[in-house]
């Protein structure tokens, strides 16, 4: 059986934590920042975990069972 390839875009966007969870960055922090509040921009800069509803989909993109 052939090896499963990892999706190139997703390996740049997601990182694995030590406990096996998947970290992601927030969207909407790259441009059109003038109309966003300081609080909104500050909260968008932090990384967060992938929600469990999307976990199966992201794991398949990263070629993890």
PDB file of N, CA and C in Angstrom:
ATOM      1  N   UNK A   1       0.837  -1.181   0.000  1.00  0.00           N
ATOM      2  CA  UNK A   1       0.000   0.000   0.000  1.00  0.00           C
ATOM      3  C   UNK A   1       0.886   1.250   0.000  1.00  0.00           C
ATOM      4  N   UNK A   2       0.563   2.274  -0.826  1.00  0.00           N
ATOM      5  CA  UNK A   2       1.421   3.462  -0.892  1.00  0.00           C
ATOM      6  C   UNK A   2       1.306   4.336   0.354  1.00  0.00           C
ATOM      7  N   UNK A   3       2.328   5.137   0.548  1.00  0.00           N
ATOM      8  CA  UNK A   3       2.321   6.070   1.674  1.00  0.00           C
ATOM      9  C   UNK A   3       1.326   7.190   1.401  1.00  0.00           C
ATOM     10  N   UNK A   4       0.758   7.747   2.466  1.00  0.00           N
ATOM     11  CA  UNK A   4      -0.189   8.861   2.351  1.00  0.00           C
ATOM     12  C   UNK A   4       0.606  10.156   2.428  1.00  0.00           C
ATOM     13  N   UNK A   5       0.396  11.035   1.461  1.00  0.00           N
ATOM     14  CA  UNK A   5       1.132  12.302   1.444  1.00  0.00           C
ATOM     15  C   UNK A   5       0.460  13.328   2.354  1.00  0.00           C
ATOM     16  N   UNK A   6       1.281  14.147   2.999  1.00  0.00           N
ATOM     17  CA  UNK A   6       0.800  15.256   3.810  1.00  0.00           C
ATOM     18  C   UNK A   6       0.460  16.418   2.887  1.00  0.00           C
ATOM     19  N   UNK A   7      -0.638  17.108   3.170  1.00  0.00           N
ATOM     20  CA  UNK A   7      -1.012  18.288   2.409  1.00  0.00           C
ATOM     21  C   UNK A   7      -0.010  19.407   2.687  1.00  0.00           C
ATOM     22  N   UNK A   8       0.603  19.950   1.642  1.00  0.00           N
ATOM     23  CA  UNK A   8       1.686  20.934   1.803  1.00  0.00           C
ATOM     24  C   UNK A   8       1.221  22.224   2.472  1.00  0.00           C
ATOM     25  N   UNK A   9       0.005  22.672   2.154  1.00  0.00           N
ATOM     26  CA  UNK A   9      -0.514  23.904   2.755  1.00  0.00           C
ATOM     27  C   UNK A   9      -0.792  23.739   4.233  1.00  0.00           C
ATOM     28  N   UNK A  10      -1.298  22.570   4.608  1.00  0.00           N
ATOM     29  CA  UNK A  10      -1.664  22.366   6.010  1.00  0.00           C
ATOM     30  C   UNK A  10      -0.443  22.156   6.904  1.00  0.00           C
ATOM     31  N   UNK A  11       0.644  21.604   6.362  1.00  0.00           N
ATOM     32  CA  UNK A  11       1.828  21.421   7.209  1.00  0.00           C
ATOM     33  C   UNK A  11       2.490  22.758   7.541  1.00  0.00           C
ATOM     34  N   UNK A  12       2.206  23.801   6.747  1.00  0.00           N
ATOM     35  CA  UNK A  12       2.705  25.142   7.044  1.00  0.00           C
ATOM     36  C   UNK A  12       1.811  25.867   8.045  1.00  0.00           C
ATOM     37  N   UNK A  13       0.552  25.467   8.141  1.00  0.00           N
ATOM     38  CA  UNK A  13      -0.429  26.184   8.951  1.00  0.00           C
ATOM     39  C   UNK A  13      -0.678  25.592  10.333  1.00  0.00           C
ATOM     40  N   UNK A  14      -0.431  24.306  10.500  1.00  0.00           N
ATOM     41  CA  UNK A  14      -0.723  23.637  11.759  1.00  0.00           C
ATOM     42  C   UNK A  14       0.551  23.071  12.373  1.00  0.00           C
ATOM     43  N   UNK A  15       0.598  23.103  13.715  1.00  0.00           N
ATOM     44  CA  UNK A  15       1.723  22.501  14.425  1.00  0.00           C
ATOM     45  C   UNK A  15       1.181  21.573  15.496  1.00  0.00           C
ATOM     46  N   UNK A  16       1.943  20.548  15.787  1.00  0.00           N
ATOM     47  CA  UNK A  16       1.549  19.556  16.778  1.00  0.00           C
ATOM     48  C   UNK A  16       2.143  19.930  18.127  1.00  0.00           C
ATOM     49  N   UNK A  17       1.349  19.834  19.192  1.00  0.00           N
ATOM     50  CA  UNK A  17       1.853  20.100  20.538  1.00  0.00           C
ATOM     51  C   UNK A  17       2.462  18.828  21.101  1.00  0.00           C
ATOM     52  N   UNK A  18       3.074  18.929  22.252  1.00  0.00           N
ATOM     53  CA  UNK A  18       3.693  17.778  22.874  1.00  0.00           C
ATOM     54  C   UNK A  18       2.704  16.714  23.309  1.00  0.00           C
ATOM     55  N   UNK A  19       1.475  17.137  23.622  1.00  0.00           N
ATOM     56  CA  UNK A  19       0.453  16.190  24.070  1.00  0.00           C
ATOM     57  C   UNK A  19      -0.382  15.634  22.921  1.00  0.00           C
ATOM     58  N   UNK A  20      -0.048  16.027  21.674  1.00  0.00           N
ATOM     59  CA  UNK A  20      -0.748  15.479  20.517  1.00  0.00           C
ATOM     60  C   UNK A  20      -1.884  16.326  19.992  1.00  0.00           C
ATOM     61  N   UNK A  21      -2.098  17.485  20.588  1.00  0.00           N
ATOM     62  CA  UNK A  21      -3.140  18.385  20.093  1.00  0.00           C
ATOM     63  C   UNK A  21      -2.592  19.187  18.918  1.00  0.00           C
ATOM     64  N   UNK A  22      -3.478  19.801  18.144  1.00  0.00           N
ATOM     65  CA  UNK A  22      -3.051  20.546  16.957  1.00  0.00           C
ATOM     66  C   UNK A  22      -3.322  22.033  17.172  1.00  0.00           C
ATOM     67  N   UNK A  23      -2.246  22.832  17.021  1.00  0.00           N
ATOM     68  CA  UNK A  23      -2.351  24.279  17.180  1.00  0.00           C
ATOM     69  C   UNK A  23      -2.593  24.939  15.828  1.00  0.00           C
ATOM     70  N   UNK A  24      -3.291  26.085  15.849  1.00  0.00           N
ATOM     71  CA  UNK A  24      -3.539  26.852  14.633  1.00  0.00           C
ATOM     72  C   UNK A  24      -3.427  28.336  14.956  1.00  0.00           C
ATOM     73  N   UNK A  25      -3.297  29.144  13.907  1.00  0.00           N
ATOM     74  CA  UNK A  25      -3.279  30.596  14.066  1.00  0.00           C
ATOM     75  C   UNK A  25      -4.655  31.138  13.714  1.00  0.00           C
ATOM     76  N   UNK A  26      -4.945  32.345  14.158  1.00  0.00           N
ATOM     77  CA  UNK A  26      -6.213  32.988  13.828  1.00  0.00           C
ATOM     78  C   UNK A  26      -6.158  33.620  12.445  1.00  0.00           C
ATOM     79  N   UNK A  27      -7.289  33.690  11.789  1.00  0.00           N
ATOM     80  CA  UNK A  27      -7.407  34.382  10.511  1.00  0.00           C
ATOM     81  C   UNK A  27      -7.668  35.871  10.754  1.00  0.00           C
ATOM     82  N   UNK A  28      -7.731  36.655   9.697  1.00  0.00           N
ATOM     83  CA  UNK A  28      -8.077  38.087   9.724  1.00  0.00           C
ATOM     84  C   UNK A  28      -7.052  38.952  10.446  1.00  0.00           C
ATOM     85  N   UNK A  29      -5.780  38.558  10.440  1.00  0.00           N
ATOM     86  CA  UNK A  29      -4.764  39.377  11.103  1.00  0.00           C
ATOM     87  C   UNK A  29      -3.670  39.821  10.136  1.00  0.00           C
ATOM     88  N   UNK A  30      -3.932  39.716   8.828  1.00  0.00           N
ATOM     89  CA  UNK A  30      -2.879  40.025   7.868  1.00  0.00           C
ATOM     90  C   UNK A  30      -3.034  41.392   7.197  1.00  0.00           C
ATOM     91  N   UNK A  31      -4.260  41.828   6.963  1.00  0.00           N
ATOM     92  CA  UNK A  31      -4.454  43.136   6.316  1.00  0.00           C
ATOM     93  C   UNK A  31      -5.801  43.722   6.729  1.00  0.00           C
ATOM     94  N   UNK A  32      -6.049  44.963   6.300  1.00  0.00           N
ATOM     95  CA  UNK A  32      -7.231  45.759   6.696  1.00  0.00           C
ATOM     96  C   UNK A  32      -7.316  45.823   8.224  1.00  0.00           C
ATOM     97  N   UNK A  33      -6.219  46.248   8.829  1.00  0.00           N
ATOM     98  CA  UNK A  33      -6.148  46.283  10.289  1.00  0.00           C
ATOM     99  C   UNK A  33      -6.583  47.631  10.868  1.00  0.00           C
ATOM    100  N   UNK A  34      -6.773  48.637  10.014  1.00  0.00           N
ATOM    101  CA  UNK A  34      -7.099  49.972  10.515  1.00  0.00           C
ATOM    102  C   UNK A  34      -8.496  50.036  11.121  1.00  0.00           C
ATOM    103  N   UNK A  35      -9.416  49.258  10.598  1.00  0.00           N
ATOM    104  CA  UNK A  35     -10.788  49.295  11.114  1.00  0.00           C
ATOM    105  C   UNK A  35     -11.016  48.342  12.283  1.00  0.00           C
ATOM    106  N   UNK A  36     -10.020  47.535  12.618  1.00  0.00           N
ATOM    107  CA  UNK A  36     -10.148  46.607  13.740  1.00  0.00           C
ATOM    108  C   UNK A  36      -9.639  47.268  15.012  1.00  0.00           C
ATOM    109  N   UNK A  37     -10.266  46.950  16.124  1.00  0.00           N
ATOM    110  CA  UNK A  37      -9.873  47.552  17.399  1.00  0.00           C
ATOM    111  C   UNK A  37      -8.564  46.928  17.892  1.00  0.00           C
ATOM    112  N   UNK A  38      -7.917  47.621  18.832  1.00  0.00           N
ATOM    113  CA  UNK A  38      -6.669  47.102  19.416  1.00  0.00           C
ATOM    114  C   UNK A  38      -6.903  45.758  20.081  1.00  0.00           C
ATOM    115  N   UNK A  39      -8.014  45.652  20.776  1.00  0.00           N
ATOM    116  CA  UNK A  39      -8.356  44.412  21.477  1.00  0.00           C
ATOM    117  C   UNK A  39      -8.534  43.253  20.496  1.00  0.00           C
ATOM    118  N   UNK A  40      -9.205  43.538  19.393  1.00  0.00           N
ATOM    119  CA  UNK A  40      -9.449  42.510  18.374  1.00  0.00           C
ATOM    120  C   UNK A  40      -8.134  42.038  17.754  1.00  0.00           C
ATOM    121  N   UNK A  41      -7.265  42.990  17.417  1.00  0.00           N
ATOM    122  CA  UNK A  41      -5.964  42.647  16.818  1.00  0.00           C
ATOM    123  C   UNK A  41      -5.083  41.888  17.809  1.00  0.00           C
ATOM    124  N   UNK A  42      -5.116  42.295  19.070  1.00  0.00           N
ATOM    125  CA  UNK A  42      -4.330  41.638  20.107  1.00  0.00           C
ATOM    126  C   UNK A  42      -4.785  40.189  20.287  1.00  0.00           C
ATOM    127  N   UNK A  43      -6.082  39.958  20.298  1.00  0.00           N
ATOM    128  CA  UNK A  43      -6.607  38.605  20.490  1.00  0.00           C
ATOM    129  C   UNK A  43      -6.391  37.721  19.269  1.00  0.00           C
ATOM    130  N   UNK A  44      -6.266  38.299  18.084  1.00  0.00           N
ATOM    131  CA  UNK A  44      -6.035  37.524  16.870  1.00  0.00           C
ATOM    132  C   UNK A  44      -4.596  37.035  16.747  1.00  0.00           C
ATOM    133  N   UNK A  45      -3.674  37.664  17.477  1.00  0.00           N
ATOM    134  CA  UNK A  45      -2.268  37.302  17.315  1.00  0.00           C
ATOM    135  C   UNK A  45      -1.901  36.020  18.056  1.00  0.00           C
ATOM    136  N   UNK A  46      -2.711  35.581  19.014  1.00  0.00           N
ATOM    137  CA  UNK A  46      -2.398  34.375  19.774  1.00  0.00           C
ATOM    138  C   UNK A  46      -2.821  33.119  19.022  1.00  0.00           C
ATOM    139  N   UNK A  47      -2.064  32.051  19.208  1.00  0.00           N
ATOM    140  CA  UNK A  47      -2.419  30.753  18.615  1.00  0.00           C
ATOM    141  C   UNK A  47      -3.441  30.067  19.507  1.00  0.00           C
ATOM    142  N   UNK A  48      -4.218  29.170  18.915  1.00  0.00           N
ATOM    143  CA  UNK A  48      -5.224  28.421  19.661  1.00  0.00           C
ATOM    144  C   UNK A  48      -5.261  26.990  19.143  1.00  0.00           C
ATOM    145  N   UNK A  49      -6.050  26.159  19.780  1.00  0.00           N
ATOM    146  CA  UNK A  49      -6.149  24.762  19.376  1.00  0.00           C
ATOM    147  C   UNK A  49      -7.251  24.583  18.343  1.00  0.00           C
ATOM    148  N   UNK A  50      -7.098  23.578  17.497  1.00  0.00           N
ATOM    149  CA  UNK A  50      -8.115  23.246  16.505  1.00  0.00           C
ATOM    150  C   UNK A  50      -9.312  22.664  17.248  1.00  0.00           C
ATOM    151  N   UNK A  51     -10.512  23.105  16.881  1.00  0.00           N
ATOM    152  CA  UNK A  51     -11.734  22.627  17.505  1.00  0.00           C
ATOM    153  C   UNK A  51     -11.940  21.140  17.198  1.00  0.00           C
ATOM    154  N   UNK A  52     -12.576  20.424  18.101  1.00  0.00           N
ATOM    155  CA  UNK A  52     -12.734  18.982  17.915  1.00  0.00           C
ATOM    156  C   UNK A  52     -13.633  18.635  16.736  1.00  0.00           C
ATOM    157  N   UNK A  53     -14.497  19.571  16.298  1.00  0.00           N
ATOM    158  CA  UNK A  53     -15.340  19.318  15.133  1.00  0.00           C
ATOM    159  C   UNK A  53     -14.528  19.282  13.844  1.00  0.00           C
ATOM    160  N   UNK A  54     -13.394  19.974  13.804  1.00  0.00           N
ATOM    161  CA  UNK A  54     -12.526  20.003  12.625  1.00  0.00           C
ATOM    162  C   UNK A  54     -11.308  19.100  12.761  1.00  0.00           C
ATOM    163  N   UNK A  55     -11.160  18.471  13.897  1.00  0.00           N
ATOM    164  CA  UNK A  55      -9.953  17.702  14.189  1.00  0.00           C
ATOM    165  C   UNK A  55      -9.738  16.544  13.223  1.00  0.00           C
ATOM    166  N   UNK A  56     -10.795  15.806  12.889  1.00  0.00           N
ATOM    167  CA  UNK A  56     -10.688  14.657  11.990  1.00  0.00           C
ATOM    168  C   UNK A  56     -10.225  15.099  10.604  1.00  0.00           C
ATOM    169  N   UNK A  57     -10.761  16.210  10.139  1.00  0.00           N
ATOM    170  CA  UNK A  57     -10.428  16.766   8.832  1.00  0.00           C
ATOM    171  C   UNK A  57      -8.968  17.224   8.775  1.00  0.00           C
ATOM    172  N   UNK A  58      -8.522  17.914   9.802  1.00  0.00           N
ATOM    173  CA  UNK A  58      -7.144  18.413   9.847  1.00  0.00           C
ATOM    174  C   UNK A  58      -6.157  17.269   9.984  1.00  0.00           C
ATOM    175  N   UNK A  59      -6.508  16.270  10.785  1.00  0.00           N
ATOM    176  CA  UNK A  59      -5.626  15.114  10.935  1.00  0.00           C
ATOM    177  C   UNK A  59      -5.433  14.361   9.618  1.00  0.00           C
ATOM    178  N   UNK A  60      -6.486  14.297   8.805  1.00  0.00           N
ATOM    179  CA  UNK A  60      -6.361  13.626   7.508  1.00  0.00           C
ATOM    180  C   UNK A  60      -5.495  14.438   6.553  1.00  0.00           C
ATOM    181  N   UNK A  61      -5.542  15.776   6.642  1.00  0.00           N
ATOM    182  CA  UNK A  61      -4.676  16.623   5.826  1.00  0.00           C
ATOM    183  C   UNK A  61      -3.217  16.461   6.219  1.00  0.00           C
ATOM    184  N   UNK A  62      -2.980  16.248   7.516  1.00  0.00           N
ATOM    185  CA  UNK A  62      -1.610  16.068   8.013  1.00  0.00           C
ATOM    186  C   UNK A  62      -1.154  14.611   7.935  1.00  0.00           C
ATOM    187  N   UNK A  63      -1.954  13.771   7.306  1.00  0.00           N
ATOM    188  CA  UNK A  63      -1.671  12.338   7.130  1.00  0.00           C
ATOM    189  C   UNK A  63      -1.454  11.630   8.458  1.00  0.00           C
ATOM    190  N   UNK A  64      -2.267  12.002   9.431  1.00  0.00           N
ATOM    191  CA  UNK A  64      -2.256  11.332  10.733  1.00  0.00           C
ATOM    192  C   UNK A  64      -3.548  10.524  10.803  1.00  0.00           C
ATOM    193  N   UNK A  65      -3.464   9.277  11.100  1.00  0.00           N
ATOM    194  CA  UNK A  65      -4.627   8.385  11.155  1.00  0.00           C
ATOM    195  C   UNK A  65      -5.907   9.057  11.390  1.00  0.00           C
TER     196      UNK A  65
END
